[in-house]
Amino acid sequence: MEAPSQAASSPPGYTEGMASAGPPTSTGQISPDGRWRWDGTQWVPTGQVATTRRPTPWIWWLVGGCAVLVIVAVIAGVLGLASLFTNFQRGGLSCLPSGFPAYPGATVTSENTYYGSGLPPGDTRECRMTLESTDDVSTVTAWYSSHLNSGDWKASTDAASGTIRVQNNSKSSTVGNIELLGRGQHTEIRITLDS
């Protein structure tokens, strides 16, 4: 009696891969896909169904968590930049000393700080800030005159030029000028402070 041929006893679709290697040498060997077992003469089904591997649920939790973190980071970045911009507009990031009076309702239109050479003798820093107010020049002048002559500052107004000269009482080397320029019903406030 002739032994069954490899092609006849091989599982469907398995003959091509096993034909060149010949029959397995040990009984009980399992096929690479886990669906067939060699019983010594032929391949027989193991009874296990090949399953396709599906992603585990934790992967989706990880992807979802990362997406939430990205969304939170973007929202925090936008809110942080908006807060920074608003703070700058209100003079919160001012180069002026913390005790310098800030005109209420004025918005910062420009700010520059200079260090080093090119400054008046004895000074190491110059702050230049421009603000816009919806009040007229006389209202702004009166406010600065009253607020700068109290606390740690003293002021003198030069009526001819419309300039208010300021000096810090506790640090006499900190001096500056406030120029008030009328722009219709608006006032441009230019502050220069050397220290």
N, C-alpha and C. Protein backbone atom coordinates (compact mmCIF):
# COMPACT_ATOMS: atom_id res chain seq x y z
N MET A 1 0.83 -1.16 0.00
CA MET A 1 0.00 0.00 0.00
C MET A 1 0.88 1.23 0.00
N GLU A 2 0.48 2.11 -0.80
CA GLU A 2 1.27 3.32 -0.98
C GLU A 2 0.90 4.35 0.08
N ALA A 3 1.90 5.06 0.59
CA ALA A 3 1.67 6.11 1.60
C ALA A 3 0.94 7.26 0.96
N PRO A 4 0.05 7.89 1.74
CA PRO A 4 -0.69 9.02 1.16
C PRO A 4 0.29 10.13 0.76
N SER A 5 -0.05 10.73 -0.33
CA SER A 5 0.82 11.79 -0.82
C SER A 5 0.69 13.04 0.05
N GLN A 6 1.74 13.82 0.03
CA GLN A 6 1.75 15.06 0.81
C GLN A 6 0.64 15.99 0.34
N ALA A 7 0.43 16.05 -0.98
CA ALA A 7 -0.57 16.95 -1.54
C ALA A 7 -1.96 16.52 -1.11
N ALA A 8 -2.22 15.22 -1.03
CA ALA A 8 -3.55 14.74 -0.68
C ALA A 8 -3.83 14.95 0.80
N SER A 9 -2.81 14.86 1.64
CA SER A 9 -3.07 14.95 3.06
C SER A 9 -2.84 16.34 3.65
N SER A 10 -2.39 17.26 2.84
CA SER A 10 -2.12 18.61 3.33
C SER A 10 -3.40 19.41 3.42
N PRO A 11 -3.44 20.32 4.35
CA PRO A 11 -4.60 21.19 4.43
C PRO A 11 -4.68 22.06 3.20
N PRO A 12 -5.89 22.47 2.87
CA PRO A 12 -6.05 23.32 1.69
C PRO A 12 -5.21 24.58 1.85
N GLY A 13 -4.54 24.94 0.76
CA GLY A 13 -3.73 26.14 0.78
C GLY A 13 -2.39 25.96 1.49
N TYR A 14 -2.12 24.76 2.01
CA TYR A 14 -0.91 24.54 2.76
C TYR A 14 0.12 23.77 1.94
N THR A 15 -0.29 23.22 0.81
CA THR A 15 0.59 22.35 0.03
C THR A 15 1.78 23.11 -0.54
N GLU A 16 1.59 24.34 -0.96
CA GLU A 16 2.69 25.07 -1.58
C GLU A 16 3.82 25.29 -0.58
N GLY A 17 3.49 25.69 0.64
CA GLY A 17 4.51 26.00 1.63
C GLY A 17 5.22 24.76 2.15
N MET A 18 4.54 23.62 2.24
CA MET A 18 5.11 22.43 2.84
C MET A 18 5.71 21.48 1.80
N ALA A 19 5.37 21.67 0.53
CA ALA A 19 5.83 20.72 -0.49
C ALA A 19 7.35 20.74 -0.60
N SER A 20 7.94 21.90 -0.53
CA SER A 20 9.39 21.95 -0.69
C SER A 20 10.11 21.46 0.56
N ALA A 21 9.47 21.62 1.72
CA ALA A 21 10.11 21.20 2.96
C ALA A 21 9.89 19.72 3.24
N GLY A 22 8.92 19.10 2.58
CA GLY A 22 8.61 17.71 2.84
C GLY A 22 7.74 17.58 4.07
N PRO A 23 7.36 16.34 4.43
CA PRO A 23 6.49 16.17 5.59
C PRO A 23 7.26 16.45 6.87
N PRO A 24 6.55 16.86 7.91
CA PRO A 24 7.21 17.14 9.18
C PRO A 24 7.84 15.86 9.73
N THR A 25 8.86 16.02 10.53
CA THR A 25 9.58 14.86 11.05
C THR A 25 9.03 14.39 12.39
N SER A 26 8.31 15.24 13.11
CA SER A 26 7.80 14.80 14.41
C SER A 26 6.29 14.84 14.44
N THR A 27 5.72 13.84 15.05
CA THR A 27 4.28 13.78 15.20
C THR A 27 3.86 14.84 16.22
N GLY A 28 2.73 15.47 15.94
CA GLY A 28 2.21 16.49 16.85
C GLY A 28 2.66 17.90 16.52
N GLN A 29 3.46 18.05 15.48
CA GLN A 29 3.91 19.39 15.11
C GLN A 29 2.73 20.21 14.65
N ILE A 30 2.69 21.48 15.07
CA ILE A 30 1.58 22.39 14.73
C ILE A 30 2.03 23.28 13.58
N SER A 31 1.09 23.55 12.68
CA SER A 31 1.40 24.42 11.54
C SER A 31 1.61 25.85 12.04
N PRO A 32 2.32 26.65 11.26
CA PRO A 32 2.59 28.03 11.68
C PRO A 32 1.33 28.85 11.97
N ASP A 33 0.23 28.55 11.29
CA ASP A 33 -0.98 29.32 11.56
C ASP A 33 -1.78 28.76 12.73
N GLY A 34 -1.36 27.65 13.31
CA GLY A 34 -2.00 27.07 14.49
C GLY A 34 -3.28 26.32 14.21
N ARG A 35 -3.66 26.14 12.94
CA ARG A 35 -4.92 25.49 12.60
C ARG A 35 -4.75 24.00 12.29
N TRP A 36 -3.51 23.52 12.07
CA TRP A 36 -3.28 22.14 11.66
C TRP A 36 -2.21 21.49 12.52
N ARG A 37 -2.36 20.16 12.70
CA ARG A 37 -1.40 19.38 13.47
C ARG A 37 -1.03 18.15 12.63
N TRP A 38 0.26 17.78 12.62
CA TRP A 38 0.74 16.61 11.87
C TRP A 38 0.59 15.39 12.76
N ASP A 39 -0.20 14.39 12.29
CA ASP A 39 -0.42 13.20 13.11
C ASP A 39 0.52 12.06 12.75
N GLY A 40 1.46 12.33 11.93
CA GLY A 40 2.44 11.33 11.50
C GLY A 40 2.25 10.94 10.06
N THR A 41 1.03 11.05 9.54
CA THR A 41 0.76 10.70 8.15
C THR A 41 0.08 11.82 7.38
N GLN A 42 -0.64 12.64 8.08
CA GLN A 42 -1.36 13.72 7.41
C GLN A 42 -1.60 14.90 8.35
N TRP A 43 -1.96 16.03 7.77
CA TRP A 43 -2.33 17.22 8.54
C TRP A 43 -3.79 17.11 8.92
N VAL A 44 -4.10 17.29 10.21
CA VAL A 44 -5.49 17.23 10.68
C VAL A 44 -5.81 18.55 11.37
N PRO A 45 -7.04 18.97 11.28
CA PRO A 45 -7.41 20.24 11.92
C PRO A 45 -7.25 20.15 13.44
N THR A 46 -6.79 21.23 14.05
CA THR A 46 -6.64 21.26 15.50
C THR A 46 -7.94 21.67 16.18
N GLY A 47 -8.87 22.18 15.41
CA GLY A 47 -10.14 22.61 15.98
C GLY A 47 -10.12 24.10 16.36
N GLN A 48 -9.00 24.73 16.23
CA GLN A 48 -8.93 26.15 16.55
C GLN A 48 -9.13 26.96 15.28
N VAL A 49 -9.88 27.98 15.43
CA VAL A 49 -10.16 28.85 14.30
C VAL A 49 -9.13 30.00 14.35
N ALA A 50 -8.56 30.27 13.21
CA ALA A 50 -7.61 31.37 13.15
C ALA A 50 -8.36 32.69 13.36
N THR A 51 -7.84 33.47 14.24
CA THR A 51 -8.49 34.77 14.51
C THR A 51 -7.60 35.89 14.00
N THR A 52 -8.24 36.90 13.54
CA THR A 52 -7.47 38.08 13.16
C THR A 52 -7.28 38.93 14.40
N ARG A 53 -6.13 39.45 14.54
CA ARG A 53 -5.80 40.23 15.73
C ARG A 53 -6.45 41.61 15.62
N ARG A 54 -7.24 41.94 16.62
CA ARG A 54 -7.88 43.24 16.68
C ARG A 54 -7.17 44.10 17.71
N PRO A 55 -7.17 45.39 17.50
CA PRO A 55 -6.53 46.26 18.48
C PRO A 55 -7.20 46.13 19.85
N THR A 56 -6.40 46.15 20.86
CA THR A 56 -6.95 46.04 22.21
C THR A 56 -7.59 47.35 22.62
N PRO A 57 -8.59 47.29 23.52
CA PRO A 57 -9.31 48.51 23.90
C PRO A 57 -8.43 49.59 24.52
N TRP A 58 -7.36 49.23 25.19
CA TRP A 58 -6.53 50.26 25.85
C TRP A 58 -5.88 51.19 24.84
N ILE A 59 -5.67 50.71 23.61
CA ILE A 59 -5.10 51.58 22.58
C ILE A 59 -6.03 52.76 22.33
N TRP A 60 -7.33 52.48 22.27
CA TRP A 60 -8.30 53.55 22.01
C TRP A 60 -8.34 54.53 23.18
N TRP A 61 -8.19 54.03 24.40
CA TRP A 61 -8.13 54.92 25.56
C TRP A 61 -6.89 55.82 25.48
N LEU A 62 -5.77 55.23 25.07
CA LEU A 62 -4.53 55.99 24.95
C LEU A 62 -4.66 57.07 23.87
N VAL A 63 -5.19 56.72 22.72
CA VAL A 63 -5.38 57.68 21.63
C VAL A 63 -6.35 58.78 22.06
N GLY A 64 -7.44 58.40 22.69
CA GLY A 64 -8.41 59.39 23.17
C GLY A 64 -7.82 60.33 24.21
N GLY A 65 -7.03 59.76 25.15
CA GLY A 65 -6.38 60.59 26.17
C GLY A 65 -5.41 61.58 25.56
N CYS A 66 -4.64 61.13 24.58
CA CYS A 66 -3.70 62.04 23.90
C CYS A 66 -4.45 63.15 23.17
N ALA A 67 -5.55 62.80 22.53
CA ALA A 67 -6.34 63.82 21.82
C ALA A 67 -6.89 64.86 22.79
N VAL A 68 -7.36 64.41 23.95
CA VAL A 68 -7.87 65.34 24.96
C VAL A 68 -6.75 66.25 25.45
N LEU A 69 -5.56 65.69 25.69
CA LEU A 69 -4.43 66.51 26.14
C LEU A 69 -4.04 67.56 25.10
N VAL A 70 -4.07 67.19 23.83
CA VAL A 70 -3.74 68.15 22.77
C VAL A 70 -4.77 69.27 22.74
N ILE A 71 -6.04 68.92 22.85
CA ILE A 71 -7.10 69.93 22.84
C ILE A 71 -6.96 70.87 24.03
N VAL A 72 -6.71 70.31 25.20
CA VAL A 72 -6.53 71.14 26.41
C VAL A 72 -5.32 72.06 26.25
N ALA A 73 -4.22 71.55 25.70
CA ALA A 73 -3.02 72.37 25.50
C ALA A 73 -3.28 73.51 24.53
N VAL A 74 -4.00 73.26 23.46
CA VAL A 74 -4.32 74.31 22.48
C VAL A 74 -5.20 75.38 23.12
N ILE A 75 -6.21 74.96 23.86
CA ILE A 75 -7.10 75.92 24.53
C ILE A 75 -6.32 76.75 25.55
N ALA A 76 -5.47 76.09 26.34
CA ALA A 76 -4.66 76.81 27.34
C ALA A 76 -3.72 77.80 26.65
N GLY A 77 -3.13 77.43 25.54
CA GLY A 77 -2.25 78.33 24.81
C GLY A 77 -2.97 79.55 24.28
N VAL A 78 -4.16 79.35 23.72
CA VAL A 78 -4.94 80.47 23.20
C VAL A 78 -5.36 81.40 24.34
N LEU A 79 -5.84 80.83 25.44
CA LEU A 79 -6.23 81.66 26.59
C LEU A 79 -5.03 82.39 27.19
N GLY A 80 -3.89 81.72 27.27
CA GLY A 80 -2.68 82.36 27.80
C GLY A 80 -2.24 83.53 26.94
N LEU A 81 -2.24 83.35 25.62
CA LEU A 81 -1.85 84.45 24.73
C LEU A 81 -2.85 85.59 24.80
N ALA A 82 -4.14 85.29 24.89
CA ALA A 82 -5.15 86.35 25.01
C ALA A 82 -4.97 87.12 26.31
N SER A 83 -4.68 86.41 27.39
CA SER A 83 -4.45 87.06 28.67
C SER A 83 -3.20 87.93 28.64
N LEU A 84 -2.14 87.43 28.01
CA LEU A 84 -0.91 88.19 27.89
C LEU A 84 -1.14 89.46 27.08
N PHE A 85 -1.87 89.36 25.99
CA PHE A 85 -2.16 90.52 25.15
C PHE A 85 -3.00 91.53 25.92
N THR A 86 -4.02 91.08 26.63
CA THR A 86 -4.87 91.98 27.43
C THR A 86 -4.06 92.64 28.53
N ASN A 87 -3.21 91.85 29.18
CA ASN A 87 -2.37 92.39 30.25
C ASN A 87 -1.42 93.47 29.70
N PHE A 88 -0.87 93.24 28.52
CA PHE A 88 0.01 94.23 27.89
C PHE A 88 -0.77 95.49 27.56
N GLN A 89 -1.97 95.32 27.01
CA GLN A 89 -2.78 96.48 26.63
C GLN A 89 -3.14 97.35 27.84
N ARG A 90 -3.28 96.72 28.98
CA ARG A 90 -3.63 97.47 30.20
C ARG A 90 -2.39 97.95 30.96
N GLY A 91 -1.22 97.73 30.42
CA GLY A 91 0.01 98.20 31.05
C GLY A 91 0.56 97.27 32.10
N GLY A 92 0.07 96.05 32.15
CA GLY A 92 0.52 95.10 33.17
C GLY A 92 1.96 94.65 32.99
N LEU A 93 2.45 94.68 31.77
CA LEU A 93 3.83 94.27 31.50
C LEU A 93 4.66 95.53 31.25
N SER A 94 4.53 96.46 32.13
CA SER A 94 5.11 97.77 31.96
C SER A 94 6.58 97.80 32.34
N CYS A 95 7.33 98.62 31.60
CA CYS A 95 8.72 98.86 31.97
C CYS A 95 8.81 99.94 33.04
N LEU A 96 7.68 100.57 33.34
CA LEU A 96 7.64 101.59 34.39
C LEU A 96 7.72 100.94 35.76
N PRO A 97 8.23 101.64 36.76
CA PRO A 97 8.27 101.08 38.11
C PRO A 97 6.86 100.76 38.61
N SER A 98 6.76 99.80 39.52
CA SER A 98 5.44 99.35 39.99
C SER A 98 4.66 100.46 40.69
N GLY A 99 5.33 101.43 41.31
CA GLY A 99 4.62 102.50 42.00
C GLY A 99 4.23 103.66 41.12
N PHE A 100 4.56 103.60 39.82
CA PHE A 100 4.23 104.71 38.92
C PHE A 100 2.75 104.67 38.60
N PRO A 101 2.04 105.80 38.75
CA PRO A 101 0.59 105.81 38.51
C PRO A 101 0.23 105.46 37.07
N ALA A 102 -0.72 104.57 36.91
CA ALA A 102 -1.20 104.17 35.58
C ALA A 102 -2.53 104.87 35.32
N TYR A 103 -2.61 105.59 34.22
CA TYR A 103 -3.83 106.32 33.92
C TYR A 103 -4.97 105.33 33.64
N PRO A 104 -6.11 105.50 34.34
CA PRO A 104 -7.21 104.53 34.18
C PRO A 104 -7.83 104.57 32.79
N GLY A 105 -8.04 103.39 32.24
CA GLY A 105 -8.69 103.26 30.94
C GLY A 105 -7.78 103.47 29.75
N ALA A 106 -6.53 103.82 29.98
CA ALA A 106 -5.59 104.03 28.86
C ALA A 106 -5.08 102.69 28.37
N THR A 107 -4.84 102.61 27.08
CA THR A 107 -4.28 101.39 26.50
C THR A 107 -2.86 101.66 26.01
N VAL A 108 -2.01 100.68 26.15
CA VAL A 108 -0.61 100.79 25.73
C VAL A 108 -0.55 100.60 24.22
N THR A 109 0.05 101.55 23.52
CA THR A 109 0.20 101.41 22.07
C THR A 109 1.64 101.06 21.69
N SER A 110 2.60 101.42 22.54
CA SER A 110 3.98 100.99 22.29
C SER A 110 4.76 101.07 23.60
N GLU A 111 5.81 100.26 23.65
CA GLU A 111 6.67 100.24 24.83
C GLU A 111 8.06 99.79 24.40
N ASN A 112 9.06 100.52 24.84
CA ASN A 112 10.45 100.19 24.52
C ASN A 112 11.30 100.40 25.77
N THR A 113 12.21 99.51 25.98
CA THR A 113 13.17 99.65 27.08
C THR A 113 14.56 99.63 26.47
N TYR A 114 15.38 100.62 26.83
CA TYR A 114 16.74 100.73 26.32
C TYR A 114 17.71 100.54 27.46
N TYR A 115 18.78 99.82 27.21
CA TYR A 115 19.84 99.58 28.20
C TYR A 115 21.18 100.01 27.58
N GLY A 116 22.11 100.40 28.45
CA GLY A 116 23.48 100.61 28.00
C GLY A 116 23.78 102.00 27.50
N SER A 117 24.57 102.05 26.40
CA SER A 117 25.06 103.34 25.89
C SER A 117 23.95 104.12 25.22
N GLY A 118 24.20 105.42 25.06
CA GLY A 118 23.22 106.28 24.41
C GLY A 118 22.23 106.88 25.38
N LEU A 119 22.36 106.58 26.67
CA LEU A 119 21.45 107.10 27.69
C LEU A 119 22.11 108.29 28.40
N PRO A 120 21.33 109.13 29.07
CA PRO A 120 21.93 110.24 29.81
C PRO A 120 22.95 109.72 30.82
N PRO A 121 23.97 110.53 31.15
CA PRO A 121 25.01 110.09 32.09
C PRO A 121 24.41 109.65 33.43
N GLY A 122 24.90 108.52 33.93
CA GLY A 122 24.44 107.98 35.21
C GLY A 122 23.25 107.05 35.09
N ASP A 123 22.62 107.01 33.93
CA ASP A 123 21.45 106.14 33.74
C ASP A 123 21.87 104.82 33.12
N THR A 124 21.19 103.75 33.51
CA THR A 124 21.47 102.44 32.94
C THR A 124 20.30 101.90 32.12
N ARG A 125 19.13 102.56 32.28
CA ARG A 125 17.93 102.06 31.59
C ARG A 125 17.00 103.22 31.29
N GLU A 126 16.33 103.13 30.14
CA GLU A 126 15.32 104.12 29.78
C GLU A 126 14.07 103.40 29.33
N CYS A 127 12.95 103.81 29.89
CA CYS A 127 11.66 103.23 29.52
C CYS A 127 10.89 104.28 28.72
N ARG A 128 10.40 103.88 27.56
CA ARG A 128 9.54 104.76 26.74
C ARG A 128 8.24 104.02 26.50
N MET A 129 7.16 104.64 26.93
CA MET A 129 5.85 104.02 26.77
C MET A 129 4.87 105.04 26.21
N THR A 130 4.05 104.60 25.27
CA THR A 130 3.01 105.45 24.69
C THR A 130 1.67 104.82 25.00
N LEU A 131 0.76 105.66 25.52
CA LEU A 131 -0.59 105.21 25.86
C LEU A 131 -1.61 106.06 25.12
N GLU A 132 -2.80 105.53 24.93
CA GLU A 132 -3.91 106.26 24.33
C GLU A 132 -5.04 106.31 25.34
N SER A 133 -5.65 107.50 25.46
CA SER A 133 -6.80 107.67 26.35
C SER A 133 -7.92 108.35 25.59
N THR A 134 -9.14 108.05 25.96
CA THR A 134 -10.30 108.70 25.33
C THR A 134 -10.62 110.03 26.00
N ASP A 135 -9.89 110.37 27.06
CA ASP A 135 -10.11 111.65 27.75
C ASP A 135 -9.32 112.76 27.05
N ASP A 136 -9.76 114.01 27.30
CA ASP A 136 -9.04 115.14 26.70
C ASP A 136 -7.78 115.46 27.49
N VAL A 137 -6.93 116.32 26.93
CA VAL A 137 -5.62 116.62 27.51
C VAL A 137 -5.74 117.23 28.90
N SER A 138 -6.68 118.14 29.10
CA SER A 138 -6.79 118.80 30.41
C SER A 138 -7.15 117.82 31.51
N THR A 139 -8.00 116.84 31.22
CA THR A 139 -8.37 115.82 32.21
C THR A 139 -7.17 114.95 32.55
N VAL A 140 -6.41 114.54 31.54
CA VAL A 140 -5.24 113.68 31.76
C VAL A 140 -4.16 114.46 32.52
N THR A 141 -3.96 115.72 32.17
CA THR A 141 -2.96 116.55 32.86
C THR A 141 -3.31 116.70 34.34
N ALA A 142 -4.57 117.01 34.63
CA ALA A 142 -5.00 117.17 36.01
C ALA A 142 -4.82 115.87 36.80
N TRP A 143 -5.14 114.74 36.19
CA TRP A 143 -5.03 113.45 36.88
C TRP A 143 -3.57 113.16 37.21
N TYR A 144 -2.67 113.29 36.22
CA TYR A 144 -1.25 113.02 36.48
C TYR A 144 -0.67 113.99 37.51
N SER A 145 -1.05 115.27 37.43
CA SER A 145 -0.52 116.26 38.39
C SER A 145 -0.91 115.89 39.82
N SER A 146 -2.14 115.46 40.01
CA SER A 146 -2.57 115.11 41.37
C SER A 146 -1.99 113.77 41.85
N HIS A 147 -1.91 112.78 40.97
CA HIS A 147 -1.44 111.44 41.37
C HIS A 147 0.08 111.34 41.46
N LEU A 148 0.79 112.19 40.72
CA LEU A 148 2.24 112.15 40.78
C LEU A 148 2.79 112.98 41.95
N ASN A 149 1.99 113.84 42.51
CA ASN A 149 2.44 114.64 43.66
C ASN A 149 2.04 114.00 44.98
N SER A 150 1.63 112.77 44.92
CA SER A 150 1.34 112.01 46.15
C SER A 150 2.12 110.71 46.06
N GLY A 151 2.41 110.14 47.18
CA GLY A 151 3.17 108.89 47.18
C GLY A 151 4.65 109.14 46.99
N ASP A 152 5.29 108.31 46.18
CA ASP A 152 6.74 108.34 46.03
C ASP A 152 7.21 109.20 44.86
N TRP A 153 6.32 109.98 44.26
CA TRP A 153 6.67 110.77 43.08
C TRP A 153 6.37 112.24 43.32
N LYS A 154 7.10 113.10 42.63
CA LYS A 154 6.76 114.51 42.61
C LYS A 154 6.79 114.96 41.15
N ALA A 155 5.92 115.92 40.83
CA ALA A 155 5.78 116.36 39.45
C ALA A 155 5.74 117.87 39.37
N SER A 156 6.20 118.37 38.24
CA SER A 156 6.08 119.80 37.94
C SER A 156 5.65 119.91 36.48
N THR A 157 4.71 120.78 36.22
CA THR A 157 4.15 120.93 34.88
C THR A 157 4.76 122.14 34.20
N ASP A 158 5.24 121.92 32.98
CA ASP A 158 5.74 123.01 32.14
C ASP A 158 4.59 123.38 31.21
N ALA A 159 3.91 124.49 31.53
CA ALA A 159 2.72 124.89 30.78
C ALA A 159 3.04 125.22 29.33
N ALA A 160 4.23 125.76 29.05
CA ALA A 160 4.58 126.15 27.68
C ALA A 160 4.68 124.95 26.75
N SER A 161 5.29 123.87 27.23
CA SER A 161 5.46 122.70 26.37
C SER A 161 4.39 121.63 26.61
N GLY A 162 3.63 121.76 27.68
CA GLY A 162 2.62 120.75 28.01
C GLY A 162 3.24 119.48 28.54
N THR A 163 4.46 119.59 29.06
CA THR A 163 5.19 118.43 29.56
C THR A 163 5.14 118.41 31.09
N ILE A 164 4.98 117.23 31.64
CA ILE A 164 5.04 117.05 33.09
C ILE A 164 6.37 116.38 33.39
N ARG A 165 7.17 117.02 34.23
CA ARG A 165 8.45 116.44 34.63
C ARG A 165 8.23 115.68 35.94
N VAL A 166 8.79 114.46 36.02
CA VAL A 166 8.58 113.61 37.20
C VAL A 166 9.92 113.18 37.78
N GLN A 167 9.90 112.95 39.10
CA GLN A 167 11.09 112.45 39.79
C GLN A 167 10.62 111.55 40.94
N ASN A 168 11.37 110.46 41.14
CA ASN A 168 11.06 109.54 42.23
C ASN A 168 11.68 110.09 43.51
N ASN A 169 10.89 110.18 44.59
CA ASN A 169 11.39 110.73 45.86
C ASN A 169 12.42 109.83 46.52
N SER A 170 12.23 108.51 46.46
CA SER A 170 13.16 107.60 47.14
C SER A 170 14.40 107.29 46.31
N LYS A 171 14.32 107.46 45.00
CA LYS A 171 15.48 107.22 44.13
C LYS A 171 15.57 108.42 43.19
N SER A 172 16.29 109.43 43.62
CA SER A 172 16.31 110.71 42.89
C SER A 172 16.90 110.60 41.49
N SER A 173 17.63 109.54 41.18
CA SER A 173 18.19 109.38 39.83
C SER A 173 17.12 108.93 38.84
N THR A 174 15.95 108.52 39.32
CA THR A 174 14.86 108.12 38.43
C THR A 174 14.03 109.36 38.11
N VAL A 175 14.20 109.84 36.88
CA VAL A 175 13.52 111.06 36.42
C VAL A 175 12.93 110.80 35.05
N GLY A 176 11.98 111.66 34.67
CA GLY A 176 11.39 111.49 33.35
C GLY A 176 10.44 112.59 32.98
N ASN A 177 9.82 112.42 31.82
CA ASN A 177 8.86 113.38 31.27
C ASN A 177 7.60 112.65 30.83
N ILE A 178 6.50 113.36 30.94
CA ILE A 178 5.24 112.88 30.38
C ILE A 178 4.76 113.95 29.42
N GLU A 179 4.66 113.59 28.14
CA GLU A 179 4.15 114.51 27.12
C GLU A 179 2.71 114.13 26.83
N LEU A 180 1.83 115.11 26.82
CA LEU A 180 0.42 114.87 26.55
C LEU A 180 0.07 115.56 25.24
N LEU A 181 -0.34 114.78 24.25
CA LEU A 181 -0.64 115.32 22.92
C LEU A 181 -2.11 115.11 22.62
N GLY A 182 -2.82 116.21 22.34
CA GLY A 182 -4.25 116.13 22.02
C GLY A 182 -4.47 115.61 20.62
N ARG A 183 -5.33 114.66 20.48
CA ARG A 183 -5.71 114.08 19.19
C ARG A 183 -7.23 114.15 19.09
N GLY A 184 -7.78 115.35 18.95
CA GLY A 184 -9.24 115.53 18.96
C GLY A 184 -9.73 115.34 20.38
N GLN A 185 -10.63 114.41 20.57
CA GLN A 185 -11.12 114.10 21.91
C GLN A 185 -10.26 113.06 22.62
N HIS A 186 -9.21 112.59 21.96
CA HIS A 186 -8.30 111.60 22.52
C HIS A 186 -7.00 112.26 22.94
N THR A 187 -6.28 111.58 23.83
CA THR A 187 -4.97 112.07 24.28
C THR A 187 -3.94 110.96 24.11
N GLU A 188 -2.82 111.33 23.52
CA GLU A 188 -1.69 110.40 23.45
C GLU A 188 -0.75 110.78 24.60
N ILE A 189 -0.41 109.78 25.40
CA ILE A 189 0.43 109.98 26.57
C ILE A 189 1.78 109.33 26.29
N ARG A 190 2.84 110.15 26.23
CA ARG A 190 4.20 109.63 25.98
C ARG A 190 5.01 109.78 27.25
N ILE A 191 5.39 108.65 27.81
CA ILE A 191 6.15 108.64 29.07
C ILE A 191 7.58 108.19 28.77
N THR A 192 8.55 108.97 29.23
CA THR A 192 9.96 108.61 29.14
C THR A 192 10.51 108.66 30.55
N LEU A 193 11.07 107.57 31.02
CA LEU A 193 11.57 107.50 32.38
C LEU A 193 12.97 106.90 32.37
N ASP A 194 13.95 107.66 32.90
CA ASP A 194 15.34 107.20 32.98
C ASP A 194 15.65 106.77 34.40
N SER A 195 16.40 105.68 34.54
CA SER A 195 16.81 105.25 35.87
C SER A 195 18.20 104.63 35.84
